[in-house]
């Protein structure tokens, strides 16, 4: 595969991921939680050998996993609301591609 094509696809994918963060970010309340959510998702998608809190925090440049652990265990957010927002966003995107 051509490197330019790979870079183009990666750039497009990155833009779509940013759109996803904009779609659900407000559901996390504070900006710190939004950033942690973004870092957590990017860490899950990154080529990290083991997906535990320490490796994901390291991938994100955090000194400890405390912030990511707080996101998952201590902060208040509603997974069902986020799932619904993502589903609606995906349906909207599908209709745009069909049109």
Protein backbone atom coordinates (compact mmCIF):
# COMPACT_ATOMS: atom_id res chain seq x y z
CA UNK A 1 0.00 0.00 0.00
CA UNK A 2 1.30 3.46 -0.89
CA UNK A 3 2.60 5.46 2.09
CA UNK A 4 0.67 8.54 1.00
CA UNK A 5 -2.54 6.52 0.97
CA UNK A 6 -1.78 5.17 4.45
CA UNK A 7 -1.05 8.67 5.77
CA UNK A 8 -4.22 10.01 4.16
CA UNK A 9 -6.33 7.21 5.65
CA UNK A 10 -4.71 7.72 9.07
CA UNK A 11 -5.36 11.47 8.92
CA UNK A 12 -9.00 10.86 7.97
CA UNK A 13 -9.38 8.31 10.75
CA UNK A 14 -7.87 10.79 13.24
CA UNK A 15 -10.38 13.47 12.17
CA UNK A 16 -13.25 11.04 12.60
CA UNK A 17 -11.98 10.09 16.04
CA UNK A 18 -11.85 13.80 16.97
CA UNK A 19 -15.46 14.12 15.79
CA UNK A 20 -16.38 11.20 18.03
CA UNK A 21 -14.75 12.95 21.00
CA UNK A 22 -16.72 16.11 20.22
CA UNK A 23 -19.93 14.07 20.02
CA UNK A 24 -19.58 12.49 23.45
CA UNK A 25 -17.15 14.78 25.28
CA UNK A 26 -19.77 16.98 26.91
CA UNK A 27 -21.15 13.91 28.68
CA UNK A 28 -18.04 13.83 30.86
CA UNK A 29 -18.64 17.22 32.49
CA UNK A 30 -15.21 18.57 33.32
CA UNK A 31 -12.47 19.12 30.77
CA UNK A 32 -10.06 16.86 32.71
CA UNK A 33 -12.42 13.92 32.34
CA UNK A 34 -12.83 14.61 28.62
CA UNK A 35 -9.08 14.58 28.16
CA UNK A 36 -8.75 11.36 30.14
CA UNK A 37 -11.51 9.76 28.06
CA UNK A 38 -9.70 10.81 24.89
CA UNK A 39 -6.38 9.50 26.20
CA UNK A 40 -7.99 6.23 27.31
CA UNK A 41 -9.61 5.58 23.91
CA UNK A 42 -6.45 6.50 22.01
CA UNK A 43 -4.48 4.19 24.31
CA UNK A 44 -6.87 1.32 23.64
CA UNK A 45 -6.42 1.86 19.90
CA UNK A 46 -2.64 2.29 20.09
CA UNK A 47 -0.16 -0.52 19.48
CA UNK A 48 0.39 -1.05 23.20
CA UNK A 49 1.35 -4.65 23.99
CA UNK A 50 -0.64 -4.89 27.21
CA UNK A 51 -3.76 -2.83 27.80
CA UNK A 52 -3.63 -2.12 31.51
CA UNK A 53 -3.79 1.19 33.36
CA UNK A 54 -0.04 1.62 33.63
CA UNK A 55 0.65 1.01 29.94
CA UNK A 56 -2.27 3.17 28.79
CA UNK A 57 -1.17 5.99 31.11
CA UNK A 58 2.38 5.70 29.82
CA UNK A 59 1.13 5.79 26.21
CA UNK A 60 -0.80 8.98 27.03
CA UNK A 61 2.17 10.59 28.77
CA UNK A 62 0.64 10.46 32.25
CA UNK A 63 3.05 9.92 35.17
CA UNK A 64 0.67 7.46 36.89
CA UNK A 65 -2.55 5.62 35.98
CA UNK A 66 -4.53 7.44 38.70
CA UNK A 67 -6.41 9.73 36.31
CA UNK A 68 -7.47 6.93 33.97
CA UNK A 69 -8.47 4.77 36.92
CA UNK A 70 -10.57 7.62 38.28
CA UNK A 71 -12.26 7.98 34.89
CA UNK A 72 -13.28 4.33 34.92
CA UNK A 73 -14.06 3.81 38.60
CA UNK A 74 -14.70 7.14 40.30
CA UNK A 75 -16.13 9.69 37.91
CA UNK A 76 -19.79 10.01 37.02
CA UNK A 77 -20.82 9.38 33.45
CA UNK A 78 -23.55 7.29 31.88
CA UNK A 79 -22.40 4.56 29.48
CA UNK A 80 -25.94 4.12 28.13
CA UNK A 81 -26.15 7.82 27.19
CA UNK A 82 -22.79 7.64 25.44
CA UNK A 83 -23.76 4.45 23.61
CA UNK A 84 -27.00 6.10 22.43
CA UNK A 85 -25.15 9.21 21.24
CA UNK A 86 -22.63 7.10 19.33
CA UNK A 87 -25.38 5.04 17.75
CA UNK A 88 -27.22 8.17 16.63
CA UNK A 89 -23.99 9.65 15.29
CA UNK A 90 -23.20 6.46 13.38
CA UNK A 91 -26.70 6.34 11.87
CA UNK A 92 -26.37 9.98 10.80
CA UNK A 93 -22.97 9.29 9.21
CA UNK A 94 -24.35 6.23 7.39
CA UNK A 95 -27.17 8.28 5.90
CA UNK A 96 -24.69 10.90 4.68
CA UNK A 97 -22.59 8.26 2.93
CA UNK A 98 -25.67 6.77 1.23
CA UNK A 99 -26.96 10.17 -0.02
